[in-house]
Amino acid sequence: MFLDVATIRVTAGRGGDGCVSTRREKFVPRGGPDGGNGGRGGSVWLVAESGLGTLLDFRYRREYRADNGKPGGGRRKTGADGHDLVIPVPCGTGVVRAHDEVLLGDLTEPGQRLCVAAGGKGGRGNWEFRTARNQTPMKATPGQEGEAVEIRLELRLIADIGLVGAPNAGKSTLLSVVTAARPKVADYPFTTLSPNLGIVDLGDFASCTLADIPGLIEGASDGKGLGHEFLRHVERTGALLLMVDVGAEDPGHELGMLREELTRYGRRLGDLPFVVLVTKLDIATPTEREAALAAAGDWCERAGGLGTLGISAVSGENLDQLRTWLRRLRDHGAHVTEDSPSVDED
């Protein structure tokens, strides 16, 4: 359905076996044990690369395996370690362990690395087992198996601000007007089925990235209407624009539903700074505009939003003011991102 999710199986290398050997040299009749340890198996690492944009390659290759360690040798020689396997992934990739849905880490910055399967330890050679009573042990241990795990890679958009609203709230239209992005725009719900990104010029050599998230409906946090697929892309935004149609029957209720779904989905989405946008002012009467703005403003104040603004992407009404709000919202979101805890890394 989406090209931003892929499931693969990774297997780390097996450790090399320990060696059983005795020292054999001329004029040394009792050389004693000299078997070396096996080498460690190679581990599997994921590394974020800025030049990649999709997880498409993982649809054609699902199995990845690192090299095994080499066995130990005589004269106490330790076997060579297996080569690590490094798999490049796009920046913004979340890594989830498939069998229990545990988030192993997020790779958001170029060069960031995550070990997803550790190589097995090498076995011990008979040199390690010598004692005062057993000076010539003839035993060694095999190398340990490397970790094997099935992981799900989820590529999530990285944007300064996410556009969140019910289906047909005008998100794609706004994105197409204030950025160079060209998302599909039509007069029916769920026009957008995958997120779109665009860059807004804020003036004074400043800009911000907007993510147009497909429309949310009640129950989205439980997966209704592909909610999990859509909400995944809001996780990396630093702030939100909550958008409501001026013709909504109850703007406060609709905004409350959006906030509730974000909060229930978790991962701090309910705590992100936000501004409320009342859209499509060009199709409303003065009375309808006033009523919708008042209802949205009351809800925004109670919910702790930064402010409320009415706009029309078609007529261009208040779009200059919107850029001012976007700059402020971007700055608030940057503080949230800096204060957020770092992800687990190896």
C-alpha atoms as a PDB file:
ATOM      1  CA  MET A   1       0.000   0.000   0.000  1.00  0.00           C
ATOM      2  CA  PHE A   2       2.824   2.368   0.883  1.00  0.00           C
ATOM      3  CA  LEU A   3       6.422   2.245  -0.282  1.00  0.00           C
ATOM      4  CA  ASP A   4       7.618   3.455   3.101  1.00  0.00           C
ATOM      5  CA  VAL A   5       7.227   0.188   5.034  1.00  0.00           C
ATOM      6  CA  ALA A   6       9.322  -2.949   4.587  1.00  0.00           C
ATOM      7  CA  THR A   7       9.892  -6.083   6.671  1.00  0.00           C
ATOM      8  CA  ILE A   8      13.247  -7.860   6.492  1.00  0.00           C
ATOM      9  CA  ARG A   9      15.040 -10.634   8.365  1.00  0.00           C
ATOM     10  CA  VAL A  10      18.595 -10.022   9.538  1.00  0.00           C
ATOM     11  CA  THR A  11      20.983 -12.673  10.850  1.00  0.00           C
ATOM     12  CA  ALA A  12      24.301 -11.940  12.519  1.00  0.00           C
ATOM     13  CA  GLY A  13      27.320 -14.164  11.937  1.00  0.00           C
ATOM     14  CA  ARG A  14      28.117 -17.246  14.013  1.00  0.00           C
ATOM     15  CA  GLY A  15      31.222 -17.177  16.159  1.00  0.00           C
ATOM     16  CA  GLY A  16      34.158 -19.320  15.074  1.00  0.00           C
ATOM     17  CA  ASP A  17      34.867 -22.582  16.897  1.00  0.00           C
ATOM     18  CA  GLY A  18      37.672 -22.873  19.413  1.00  0.00           C
ATOM     19  CA  CYS A  19      40.668 -25.010  18.409  1.00  0.00           C
ATOM     20  CA  VAL A  20      42.084 -28.140  20.033  1.00  0.00           C
ATOM     21  CA  SER A  21      45.828 -28.198  19.416  1.00  0.00           C
ATOM     22  CA  THR A  22      49.063 -29.115  21.180  1.00  0.00           C
ATOM     23  CA  ARG A  23      52.409 -27.485  20.707  1.00  0.00           C
ATOM     24  CA  ARG A  24      54.643 -29.599  18.526  1.00  0.00           C
ATOM     25  CA  GLU A  25      58.218 -28.514  18.092  1.00  0.00           C
ATOM     26  CA  LYS A  26      61.492 -30.349  17.770  1.00  0.00           C
ATOM     27  CA  PHE A  27      63.079 -31.051  21.149  1.00  0.00           C
ATOM     28  CA  VAL A  28      59.820 -30.013  22.949  1.00  0.00           C
ATOM     29  CA  PRO A  29      58.218 -33.370  23.803  1.00  0.00           C
ATOM     30  CA  ARG A  30      55.508 -31.910  26.055  1.00  0.00           C
ATOM     31  CA  GLY A  31      54.555 -28.598  24.497  1.00  0.00           C
ATOM     32  CA  GLY A  32      51.147 -28.423  26.089  1.00  0.00           C
ATOM     33  CA  PRO A  33      47.873 -26.982  24.700  1.00  0.00           C
ATOM     34  CA  ASP A  34      47.995 -24.066  22.276  1.00  0.00           C
ATOM     35  CA  GLY A  35      44.564 -24.025  20.605  1.00  0.00           C
ATOM     36  CA  GLY A  36      43.283 -20.478  19.998  1.00  0.00           C
ATOM     37  CA  ASN A  37      39.824 -18.954  20.339  1.00  0.00           C
ATOM     38  CA  GLY A  38      37.382 -18.524  17.495  1.00  0.00           C
ATOM     39  CA  GLY A  39      36.640 -15.100  16.043  1.00  0.00           C
ATOM     40  CA  ARG A  40      33.458 -13.161  16.743  1.00  0.00           C
ATOM     41  CA  GLY A  41      30.661 -13.286  14.182  1.00  0.00           C
ATOM     42  CA  GLY A  42      29.834 -10.142  12.223  1.00  0.00           C
ATOM     43  CA  SER A  43      26.985  -7.914  13.455  1.00  0.00           C
ATOM     44  CA  VAL A  44      24.243  -6.312  11.360  1.00  0.00           C
ATOM     45  CA  TRP A  45      24.050  -2.514  11.452  1.00  0.00           C
ATOM     46  CA  LEU A  46      21.661  -0.028   9.906  1.00  0.00           C
ATOM     47  CA  VAL A  47      23.088   3.363   8.955  1.00  0.00           C
ATOM     48  CA  ALA A  48      21.127   6.444   7.851  1.00  0.00           C
ATOM     49  CA  GLU A  49      22.120   7.968   4.511  1.00  0.00           C
ATOM     50  CA  SER A  50      20.840  11.305   3.249  1.00  0.00           C
ATOM     51  CA  GLY A  51      20.943  10.262  -0.428  1.00  0.00           C
ATOM     52  CA  LEU A  52      18.197   7.637  -0.023  1.00  0.00           C
ATOM     53  CA  GLY A  53      14.516   8.511  -0.217  1.00  0.00           C
ATOM     54  CA  THR A  54      12.525   5.243  -0.155  1.00  0.00           C
ATOM     55  CA  LEU A  55      12.577   1.689   1.183  1.00  0.00           C
ATOM     56  CA  LEU A  56      11.806   0.279  -2.246  1.00  0.00           C
ATOM     57  CA  ASP A  57      15.001  -1.818  -2.465  1.00  0.00           C
ATOM     58  CA  PHE A  58      13.933  -3.854   0.566  1.00  0.00           C
ATOM     59  CA  ARG A  59      10.943  -5.168  -1.356  1.00  0.00           C
ATOM     60  CA  TYR A  60      13.284  -7.150  -3.607  1.00  0.00           C
ATOM     61  CA  ARG A  61      15.620  -8.476  -0.936  1.00  0.00           C
ATOM     62  CA  ARG A  62      14.247  -9.660   2.399  1.00  0.00           C
ATOM     63  CA  GLU A  63      17.149 -11.673   3.903  1.00  0.00           C
ATOM     64  CA  TYR A  64      20.419 -10.191   5.162  1.00  0.00           C
ATOM     65  CA  ARG A  65      23.259 -12.144   6.791  1.00  0.00           C
ATOM     66  CA  ALA A  66      26.620 -11.068   8.199  1.00  0.00           C
ATOM     67  CA  ASP A  67      29.816 -13.122   7.904  1.00  0.00           C
ATOM     68  CA  ASN A  68      30.704 -15.885  10.345  1.00  0.00           C
ATOM     69  CA  GLY A  69      33.821 -15.697  12.502  1.00  0.00           C
ATOM     70  CA  LYS A  70      36.783 -17.904  11.610  1.00  0.00           C
ATOM     71  CA  PRO A  71      37.849 -20.834  13.825  1.00  0.00           C
ATOM     72  CA  GLY A  72      40.864 -20.571  16.090  1.00  0.00           C
ATOM     73  CA  GLY A  73      44.196 -22.129  15.163  1.00  0.00           C
ATOM     74  CA  GLY A  74      47.291 -23.647  16.698  1.00  0.00           C
ATOM     75  CA  ARG A  75      49.945 -21.565  18.415  1.00  0.00           C
ATOM     76  CA  ARG A  76      47.140 -19.761  20.223  1.00  0.00           C
ATOM     77  CA  LYS A  77      45.982 -18.002  17.072  1.00  0.00           C
ATOM     78  CA  THR A  78      42.589 -16.316  17.409  1.00  0.00           C
ATOM     79  CA  GLY A  79      40.325 -16.673  14.399  1.00  0.00           C
ATOM     80  CA  ALA A  80      39.464 -13.585  12.368  1.00  0.00           C
ATOM     81  CA  ASP A  81      36.237 -11.774  13.244  1.00  0.00           C
ATOM     82  CA  GLY A  82      33.443 -11.924  10.683  1.00  0.00           C
ATOM     83  CA  HIS A  83      32.838  -8.745   8.709  1.00  0.00           C
ATOM     84  CA  ASP A  84      29.943  -6.621   9.931  1.00  0.00           C
ATOM     85  CA  LEU A  85      27.075  -6.100   7.501  1.00  0.00           C
ATOM     86  CA  VAL A  86      26.130  -2.425   7.124  1.00  0.00           C
ATOM     87  CA  ILE A  87      22.747  -1.748   5.527  1.00  0.00           C
ATOM     88  CA  PRO A  88      22.018   1.827   4.361  1.00  0.00           C
ATOM     89  CA  VAL A  89      18.519   3.204   5.011  1.00  0.00           C
ATOM     90  CA  PRO A  90      16.960   6.637   4.407  1.00  0.00           C
ATOM     91  CA  CYS A  91      17.052   9.288   7.107  1.00  0.00           C
ATOM     92  CA  GLY A  92      13.768   9.147   8.994  1.00  0.00           C
ATOM     93  CA  THR A  93      13.593   5.347   9.221  1.00  0.00           C
ATOM     94  CA  GLY A  94      12.094   3.864  12.374  1.00  0.00           C
ATOM     95  CA  VAL A  95      13.108   0.287  13.252  1.00  0.00           C
ATOM     96  CA  VAL A  96      10.538  -1.963  14.952  1.00  0.00           C
ATOM     97  CA  ARG A  97      11.093  -5.559  16.113  1.00  0.00           C
ATOM     98  CA  ALA A  98       8.326  -7.419  14.327  1.00  0.00           C
ATOM     99  CA  HIS A  99       7.365 -10.105  16.854  1.00  0.00           C
ATOM    100  CA  ASP A 100       6.662  -7.784  19.801  1.00  0.00           C
ATOM    101  CA  GLU A 101       6.376  -4.323  18.183  1.00  0.00           C
ATOM    102  CA  VAL A 102       9.265  -2.921  20.256  1.00  0.00           C
ATOM    103  CA  LEU A 103      10.780   0.232  18.766  1.00  0.00           C
ATOM    104  CA  LEU A 104      14.511  -0.468  18.487  1.00  0.00           C
ATOM    105  CA  GLY A 105      15.424   3.041  17.381  1.00  0.00           C
ATOM    106  CA  ASP A 106      14.961   5.936  14.969  1.00  0.00           C
ATOM    107  CA  LEU A 107      17.583   6.864  12.408  1.00  0.00           C
ATOM    108  CA  THR A 108      17.020  10.549  11.776  1.00  0.00           C
ATOM    109  CA  GLU A 109      20.484  12.011  11.135  1.00  0.00           C
ATOM    110  CA  PRO A 110      22.960  11.120   8.354  1.00  0.00           C
ATOM    111  CA  GLY A 111      25.555   8.682   9.648  1.00  0.00           C
ATOM    112  CA  GLN A 112      23.475   7.562  12.644  1.00  0.00           C
ATOM    113  CA  ARG A 113      23.950   3.819  13.253  1.00  0.00           C
ATOM    114  CA  LEU A 114      21.915   1.130  14.976  1.00  0.00           C
ATOM    115  CA  CYS A 115      22.969  -2.460  15.690  1.00  0.00           C
ATOM    116  CA  VAL A 116      19.959  -4.702  15.051  1.00  0.00           C
ATOM    117  CA  ALA A 117      21.656  -8.112  15.408  1.00  0.00           C
ATOM    118  CA  ALA A 118      24.835  -8.825  17.396  1.00  0.00           C
ATOM    119  CA  GLY A 119      27.347 -11.389  16.179  1.00  0.00           C
ATOM    120  CA  GLY A 120      27.936 -14.572  18.168  1.00  0.00           C
ATOM    121  CA  LYS A 121      30.959 -14.924  20.438  1.00  0.00           C
ATOM    122  CA  GLY A 122      33.819 -17.116  19.329  1.00  0.00           C
ATOM    123  CA  GLY A 123      34.396 -20.465  21.015  1.00  0.00           C
ATOM    124  CA  ARG A 124      37.264 -21.037  23.461  1.00  0.00           C
ATOM    125  CA  GLY A 125      40.323 -23.027  22.440  1.00  0.00           C
ATOM    126  CA  ASN A 126      41.914 -25.686  24.649  1.00  0.00           C
ATOM    127  CA  TRP A 127      44.564 -23.179  25.765  1.00  0.00           C
ATOM    128  CA  GLU A 128      41.816 -21.558  27.853  1.00  0.00           C
ATOM    129  CA  PHE A 129      41.035 -24.777  29.743  1.00  0.00           C
ATOM    130  CA  ARG A 130      44.490 -25.607  31.111  1.00  0.00           C
ATOM    131  CA  THR A 131      44.728 -26.015  34.900  1.00  0.00           C
ATOM    132  CA  ALA A 132      47.322 -27.243  37.372  1.00  0.00           C
ATOM    133  CA  ARG A 133      45.648 -30.664  37.423  1.00  0.00           C
ATOM    134  CA  ASN A 134      44.823 -30.865  33.730  1.00  0.00           C
ATOM    135  CA  GLN A 135      47.775 -29.422  31.901  1.00  0.00           C
ATOM    136  CA  THR A 136      46.851 -30.905  28.528  1.00  0.00           C
ATOM    137  CA  PRO A 137      43.089 -30.399  28.087  1.00  0.00           C
ATOM    138  CA  MET A 138      41.699 -31.726  24.825  1.00  0.00           C
ATOM    139  CA  LYS A 139      38.447 -29.796  24.777  1.00  0.00           C
ATOM    140  CA  ALA A 140      37.230 -26.626  23.076  1.00  0.00           C
ATOM    141  CA  THR A 141      33.853 -24.939  22.742  1.00  0.00           C
ATOM    142  CA  PRO A 142      31.933 -24.123  19.560  1.00  0.00           C
ATOM    143  CA  GLY A 143      31.135 -20.558  18.567  1.00  0.00           C
ATOM    144  CA  GLN A 144      27.778 -19.072  19.517  1.00  0.00           C
ATOM    145  CA  GLU A 145      25.057 -18.427  16.967  1.00  0.00           C
ATOM    146  CA  GLY A 146      24.504 -14.811  15.965  1.00  0.00           C
ATOM    147  CA  GLU A 147      21.226 -13.054  16.682  1.00  0.00           C
ATOM    148  CA  ALA A 148      18.465 -13.443  14.110  1.00  0.00           C
ATOM    149  CA  VAL A 149      15.513 -11.079  14.118  1.00  0.00           C
ATOM    150  CA  GLU A 150      12.739  -9.916  11.834  1.00  0.00           C
ATOM    151  CA  ILE A 151      12.449  -6.136  11.780  1.00  0.00           C
ATOM    152  CA  ARG A 152      10.040  -3.690  10.200  1.00  0.00           C
ATOM    153  CA  LEU A 153      11.445  -0.530   8.658  1.00  0.00           C
ATOM    154  CA  GLU A 154       9.091   2.461   8.661  1.00  0.00           C
ATOM    155  CA  LEU A 155      10.082   5.559   6.720  1.00  0.00           C
ATOM    156  CA  ARG A 156       8.400   8.570   8.298  1.00  0.00           C
ATOM    157  CA  LEU A 157       8.440  12.078   6.948  1.00  0.00           C
ATOM    158  CA  ILE A 158      10.668  14.612   8.684  1.00  0.00           C
ATOM    159  CA  ALA A 159       9.020  18.039   8.582  1.00  0.00           C
ATOM    160  CA  ASP A 160       8.951  21.181  10.685  1.00  0.00           C
ATOM    161  CA  ILE A 161       5.148  21.415  10.676  1.00  0.00           C
ATOM    162  CA  GLY A 162       2.428  18.880   9.936  1.00  0.00           C
ATOM    163  CA  LEU A 163      -0.951  19.769   8.400  1.00  0.00           C
ATOM    164  CA  VAL A 164      -3.600  17.810  10.280  1.00  0.00           C
ATOM    165  CA  GLY A 165      -7.308  17.865   9.615  1.00  0.00           C
ATOM    166  CA  ALA A 166     -10.365  15.857   8.679  1.00  0.00           C
ATOM    167  CA  PRO A 167     -10.712  14.629   5.081  1.00  0.00           C
ATOM    168  CA  ASN A 168     -11.292  17.466   2.601  1.00  0.00           C
ATOM    169  CA  ALA A 169     -10.287  20.209   5.071  1.00  0.00           C
ATOM    170  CA  GLY A 170      -8.129  21.918   2.429  1.00  0.00           C
ATOM    171  CA  LYS A 171      -4.687  20.635   3.419  1.00  0.00           C
ATOM    172  CA  SER A 172      -3.522  19.710  -0.070  1.00  0.00           C
ATOM    173  CA  THR A 173      -4.857  22.941  -1.556  1.00  0.00           C
ATOM    174  CA  LEU A 174      -2.971  24.981   1.027  1.00  0.00           C
ATOM    175  CA  LEU A 175       0.239  23.015   0.421  1.00  0.00           C
ATOM    176  CA  SER A 176      -0.024  23.558  -3.338  1.00  0.00           C
ATOM    177  CA  VAL A 177      -0.468  27.325  -2.870  1.00  0.00           C
ATOM    178  CA  VAL A 178       2.240  28.121  -0.301  1.00  0.00           C
ATOM    179  CA  THR A 179       4.868  25.656  -1.618  1.00  0.00           C
ATOM    180  CA  ALA A 180       6.014  24.270  -4.956  1.00  0.00           C
ATOM    181  CA  ALA A 181       4.521  20.852  -4.138  1.00  0.00           C
ATOM    182  CA  ARG A 182       1.768  19.570  -6.412  1.00  0.00           C
ATOM    183  CA  PRO A 183      -0.378  17.136  -4.422  1.00  0.00           C
ATOM    184  CA  LYS A 184      -3.603  15.772  -5.856  1.00  0.00           C
ATOM    185  CA  VAL A 185      -6.495  18.147  -5.153  1.00  0.00           C
ATOM    186  CA  ALA A 186     -10.148  17.195  -5.646  1.00  0.00           C
ATOM    187  CA  ASP A 187     -13.529  17.895  -4.078  1.00  0.00           C
ATOM    188  CA  TYR A 188     -14.026  14.558  -2.299  1.00  0.00           C
ATOM    189  CA  PRO A 189     -12.720  12.996   0.948  1.00  0.00           C
ATOM    190  CA  PHE A 190      -9.429  11.078   1.132  1.00  0.00           C
ATOM    191  CA  THR A 191      -7.981  12.656  -1.989  1.00  0.00           C
ATOM    192  CA  THR A 192      -4.580  12.332  -0.326  1.00  0.00           C
ATOM    193  CA  LEU A 193      -3.608   8.722   0.420  1.00  0.00           C
ATOM    194  CA  SER A 194       0.092   9.301   1.055  1.00  0.00           C
ATOM    195  CA  PRO A 195       1.879  12.258   2.667  1.00  0.00           C
ATOM    196  CA  ASN A 196       3.325  15.119   0.644  1.00  0.00           C
ATOM    197  CA  LEU A 197       6.159  17.491   1.529  1.00  0.00           C
ATOM    198  CA  GLY A 198       6.667  21.112   0.556  1.00  0.00           C
ATOM    199  CA  ILE A 199       8.986  23.976   1.529  1.00  0.00           C
ATOM    200  CA  VAL A 200       7.542  27.377   2.431  1.00  0.00           C
ATOM    201  CA  ASP A 201       9.573  30.538   1.851  1.00  0.00           C
ATOM    202  CA  LEU A 202       9.175  32.612   5.029  1.00  0.00           C
ATOM    203  CA  GLY A 203      11.300  35.547   3.836  1.00  0.00           C
ATOM    204  CA  ASP A 204      14.650  36.794   5.139  1.00  0.00           C
ATOM    205  CA  PHE A 205      16.297  33.590   3.841  1.00  0.00           C
ATOM    206  CA  ALA A 206      14.161  31.501   6.218  1.00  0.00           C
ATOM    207  CA  SER A 207      12.008  28.523   5.299  1.00  0.00           C
ATOM    208  CA  CYS A 208      10.113  25.632   6.838  1.00  0.00           C
ATOM    209  CA  THR A 209       8.987  22.223   5.654  1.00  0.00           C
ATOM    210  CA  LEU A 210       5.278  21.342   5.636  1.00  0.00           C
ATOM    211  CA  ALA A 211       3.921  17.791   5.579  1.00  0.00           C
ATOM    212  CA  ASP A 212       0.419  17.263   4.223  1.00  0.00           C
ATOM    213  CA  ILE A 213      -0.922  14.313   6.232  1.00  0.00           C
ATOM    214  CA  PRO A 214      -3.903  12.361   4.818  1.00  0.00           C
ATOM    215  CA  GLY A 215      -7.207  13.154   6.502  1.00  0.00           C
ATOM    216  CA  LEU A 216      -7.934  11.789   9.976  1.00  0.00           C
ATOM    217  CA  ILE A 217     -11.278  10.452  11.115  1.00  0.00           C
ATOM    218  CA  GLU A 218     -12.559   9.450  14.533  1.00  0.00           C
ATOM    219  CA  GLY A 219     -10.892   6.192  15.561  1.00  0.00           C
ATOM    220  CA  ALA A 220      -7.734   6.869  13.537  1.00  0.00           C
ATOM    221  CA  SER A 221      -5.550   6.124  16.588  1.00  0.00           C
ATOM    222  CA  ASP A 222      -7.061   2.608  16.605  1.00  0.00           C
ATOM    223  CA  GLY A 223      -6.244   2.127  12.936  1.00  0.00           C
ATOM    224  CA  LYS A 224      -9.640   3.113  11.517  1.00  0.00           C
ATOM    225  CA  GLY A 225      -9.423   4.571   8.035  1.00  0.00           C
ATOM    226  CA  LEU A 226      -5.715   3.641   7.773  1.00  0.00           C
ATOM    227  CA  GLY A 227      -5.122   5.869  10.790  1.00  0.00           C
ATOM    228  CA  HIS A 228      -1.899   4.177  11.893  1.00  0.00           C
ATOM    229  CA  GLU A 229      -0.474   4.529   8.378  1.00  0.00           C
ATOM    230  CA  PHE A 230      -1.272   8.251   8.426  1.00  0.00           C
ATOM    231  CA  LEU A 231      -0.385   9.126  12.026  1.00  0.00           C
ATOM    232  CA  ARG A 232       3.038   7.549  11.678  1.00  0.00           C
ATOM    233  CA  HIS A 233       4.077  10.503   9.532  1.00  0.00           C
ATOM    234  CA  VAL A 234       3.184  13.101  12.173  1.00  0.00           C
ATOM    235  CA  GLU A 235       5.633  11.655  14.693  1.00  0.00           C
ATOM    236  CA  ARG A 236       8.663  13.537  13.403  1.00  0.00           C
ATOM    237  CA  THR A 237       7.042  16.935  12.970  1.00  0.00           C
ATOM    238  CA  GLY A 238       7.924  19.602  15.527  1.00  0.00           C
ATOM    239  CA  ALA A 239       4.582  21.431  15.411  1.00  0.00           C
ATOM    240  CA  LEU A 240       1.096  21.164  13.925  1.00  0.00           C
ATOM    241  CA  LEU A 241      -1.449  23.172  11.977  1.00  0.00           C
ATOM    242  CA  LEU A 242      -4.880  21.862  12.992  1.00  0.00           C
ATOM    243  CA  MET A 243      -7.200  22.660  10.083  1.00  0.00           C
ATOM    244  CA  VAL A 244     -10.985  22.814  10.123  1.00  0.00           C
ATOM    245  CA  ASP A 245     -13.387  23.679   7.297  1.00  0.00           C
ATOM    246  CA  VAL A 246     -15.364  26.907   7.849  1.00  0.00           C
ATOM    247  CA  GLY A 247     -18.460  24.904   6.969  1.00  0.00           C
ATOM    248  CA  ALA A 248     -17.934  22.285   9.686  1.00  0.00           C
ATOM    249  CA  GLU A 249     -21.073  21.674  11.703  1.00  0.00           C
ATOM    250  CA  ASP A 250     -19.197  21.956  15.012  1.00  0.00           C
ATOM    251  CA  PRO A 251     -15.608  23.243  14.586  1.00  0.00           C
ATOM    252  CA  GLY A 252     -14.814  22.781  18.290  1.00  0.00           C
ATOM    253  CA  HIS A 253     -15.924  19.148  18.239  1.00  0.00           C
ATOM    254  CA  GLU A 254     -13.926  18.420  15.080  1.00  0.00           C
ATOM    255  CA  LEU A 255     -10.781  20.015  16.496  1.00  0.00           C
ATOM    256  CA  GLY A 256     -11.252  18.109  19.739  1.00  0.00           C
ATOM    257  CA  MET A 257     -11.519  14.863  17.778  1.00  0.00           C
ATOM    258  CA  LEU A 258      -8.248  15.597  15.955  1.00  0.00           C
ATOM    259  CA  ARG A 259      -6.432  16.372  19.195  1.00  0.00           C
ATOM    260  CA  GLU A 260      -7.867  13.295  20.895  1.00  0.00           C
ATOM    261  CA  GLU A 261      -6.696  10.992  18.099  1.00  0.00           C
ATOM    262  CA  LEU A 262      -3.208  12.521  18.205  1.00  0.00           C
ATOM    263  CA  THR A 263      -3.035  12.130  21.980  1.00  0.00           C
ATOM    264  CA  ARG A 264      -4.306   8.553  21.949  1.00  0.00           C
ATOM    265  CA  TYR A 265      -1.792   7.563  19.302  1.00  0.00           C
ATOM    266  CA  GLY A 266       0.866   8.719  21.767  1.00  0.00           C
ATOM    267  CA  ARG A 267       4.572   9.454  21.325  1.00  0.00           C
ATOM    268  CA  ARG A 268       4.077  13.075  22.452  1.00  0.00           C
ATOM    269  CA  LEU A 269       1.846  14.084  19.531  1.00  0.00           C
ATOM    270  CA  GLY A 270      -0.709  15.585  21.876  1.00  0.00           C
ATOM    271  CA  ASP A 271       1.958  17.843  23.398  1.00  0.00           C
ATOM    272  CA  LEU A 272       3.184  19.442  20.168  1.00  0.00           C
ATOM    273  CA  PRO A 273       2.612  23.205  19.768  1.00  0.00           C
ATOM    274  CA  PHE A 274      -0.174  24.008  17.328  1.00  0.00           C
ATOM    275  CA  VAL A 275      -2.090  26.765  15.561  1.00  0.00           C
ATOM    276  CA  VAL A 276      -5.715  26.393  14.427  1.00  0.00           C
ATOM    277  CA  LEU A 277      -6.569  27.275  10.837  1.00  0.00           C
ATOM    278  CA  VAL A 278     -10.150  27.850   9.715  1.00  0.00           C
ATOM    279  CA  THR A 279     -10.070  27.184   5.960  1.00  0.00           C
ATOM    280  CA  LYS A 280     -12.179  28.020   2.879  1.00  0.00           C
ATOM    281  CA  LEU A 281     -13.281  31.470   4.052  1.00  0.00           C
ATOM    282  CA  ASP A 282     -14.068  32.359   0.433  1.00  0.00           C
ATOM    283  CA  ILE A 283     -17.151  30.105   0.374  1.00  0.00           C
ATOM    284  CA  ALA A 284     -18.677  31.315   3.661  1.00  0.00           C
ATOM    285  CA  THR A 285     -20.937  34.249   4.481  1.00  0.00           C
ATOM    286  CA  PRO A 286     -19.719  36.859   6.973  1.00  0.00           C
ATOM    287  CA  THR A 287     -21.982  35.341   9.634  1.00  0.00           C
ATOM    288  CA  GLU A 288     -20.678  31.827   9.012  1.00  0.00           C
ATOM    289  CA  ARG A 289     -17.070  33.034   9.078  1.00  0.00           C
ATOM    290  CA  GLU A 290     -17.562  34.855  12.365  1.00  0.00           C
ATOM    291  CA  ALA A 291     -19.271  31.871  13.999  1.00  0.00           C
ATOM    292  CA  ALA A 292     -16.639  29.367  12.851  1.00  0.00           C
ATOM    293  CA  LEU A 293     -13.716  31.584  13.905  1.00  0.00           C
ATOM    294  CA  ALA A 294     -15.291  32.214  17.311  1.00  0.00           C
ATOM    295  CA  ALA A 295     -15.903  28.490  17.954  1.00  0.00           C
ATOM    296  CA  ALA A 296     -12.412  27.513  16.783  1.00  0.00           C
ATOM    297  CA  GLY A 297     -10.833  30.336  18.795  1.00  0.00           C
ATOM    298  CA  ASP A 298     -12.609  29.298  21.996  1.00  0.00           C
ATOM    299  CA  TRP A 299     -11.483  25.708  21.590  1.00  0.00           C
ATOM    300  CA  CYS A 300      -7.907  26.735  20.757  1.00  0.00           C
ATOM    301  CA  GLU A 301      -7.657  28.879  23.870  1.00  0.00           C
ATOM    302  CA  ARG A 302      -8.961  26.093  26.109  1.00  0.00           C
ATOM    303  CA  ALA A 303      -6.618  23.541  24.495  1.00  0.00           C
ATOM    304  CA  GLY A 304      -3.516  25.709  24.873  1.00  0.00           C
ATOM    305  CA  GLY A 305      -2.928  26.518  21.211  1.00  0.00           C
ATOM    306  CA  LEU A 306      -0.816  29.423  20.035  1.00  0.00           C
ATOM    307  CA  GLY A 307      -3.613  31.108  18.124  1.00  0.00           C
ATOM    308  CA  THR A 308      -6.358  30.904  15.491  1.00  0.00           C
ATOM    309  CA  LEU A 309      -6.337  32.221  11.924  1.00  0.00           C
ATOM    310  CA  GLY A 310      -8.901  32.135   9.134  1.00  0.00           C
ATOM    311  CA  ILE A 311      -7.568  31.704   5.603  1.00  0.00           C
ATOM    312  CA  SER A 312      -8.566  31.039   2.023  1.00  0.00           C
ATOM    313  CA  ALA A 313      -6.009  29.232  -0.103  1.00  0.00           C
ATOM    314  CA  VAL A 314      -8.078  30.003  -3.215  1.00  0.00           C
ATOM    315  CA  SER A 315      -8.402  33.772  -2.775  1.00  0.00           C
ATOM    316  CA  GLY A 316      -5.108  34.157  -0.870  1.00  0.00           C
ATOM    317  CA  GLU A 317      -6.793  35.766   2.127  1.00  0.00           C
ATOM    318  CA  ASN A 318      -4.468  35.974   5.179  1.00  0.00           C
ATOM    319  CA  LEU A 319      -1.714  33.858   3.598  1.00  0.00           C
ATOM    320  CA  ASP A 320       0.869  36.530   4.433  1.00  0.00           C
ATOM    321  CA  GLN A 321      -0.231  36.379   8.071  1.00  0.00           C
ATOM    322  CA  LEU A 322      -0.011  32.594   7.849  1.00  0.00           C
ATOM    323  CA  ARG A 323       3.690  32.804   6.969  1.00  0.00           C
ATOM    324  CA  THR A 324       4.242  34.859  10.120  1.00  0.00           C
ATOM    325  CA  TRP A 325       2.469  32.183  12.151  1.00  0.00           C
ATOM    326  CA  LEU A 326       4.491  29.444  10.425  1.00  0.00           C
ATOM    327  CA  ARG A 327       7.744  31.100  11.440  1.00  0.00           C
ATOM    328  CA  ARG A 328       6.571  31.318  15.045  1.00  0.00           C
ATOM    329  CA  LEU A 329       5.277  27.754  14.998  1.00  0.00           C
ATOM    330  CA  ARG A 330       8.530  26.468  13.489  1.00  0.00           C
ATOM    331  CA  ASP A 331      10.539  28.142  16.259  1.00  0.00           C
ATOM    332  CA  HIS A 332       8.295  26.620  18.955  1.00  0.00           C
ATOM    333  CA  GLY A 333       8.637  23.204  17.321  1.00  0.00           C
ATOM    334  CA  ALA A 334      12.433  23.497  17.232  1.00  0.00           C
ATOM    335  CA  HIS A 335      12.485  23.992  21.011  1.00  0.00           C
ATOM    336  CA  VAL A 336      10.302  20.901  21.466  1.00  0.00           C
ATOM    337  CA  THR A 337      12.651  18.843  19.294  1.00  0.00           C
ATOM    338  CA  GLU A 338      15.745  19.997  21.169  1.00  0.00           C
ATOM    339  CA  ASP A 339      14.178  19.161  24.532  1.00  0.00           C
ATOM    340  CA  SER A 340      12.924  15.731  23.486  1.00  0.00           C
ATOM    341  CA  PRO A 341      14.784  12.650  24.743  1.00  0.00           C
ATOM    342  CA  SER A 342      17.212  10.964  22.387  1.00  0.00           C
ATOM    343  CA  VAL A 343      16.367   7.570  20.936  1.00  0.00           C
ATOM    344  CA  ASP A 344      18.155   4.414  21.975  1.00  0.00           C
ATOM    345  CA  GLU A 345      21.227   3.725  19.919  1.00  0.00           C
ATOM    346  CA  ASP A 346      23.919   1.085  19.928  1.00  0.00           C
END
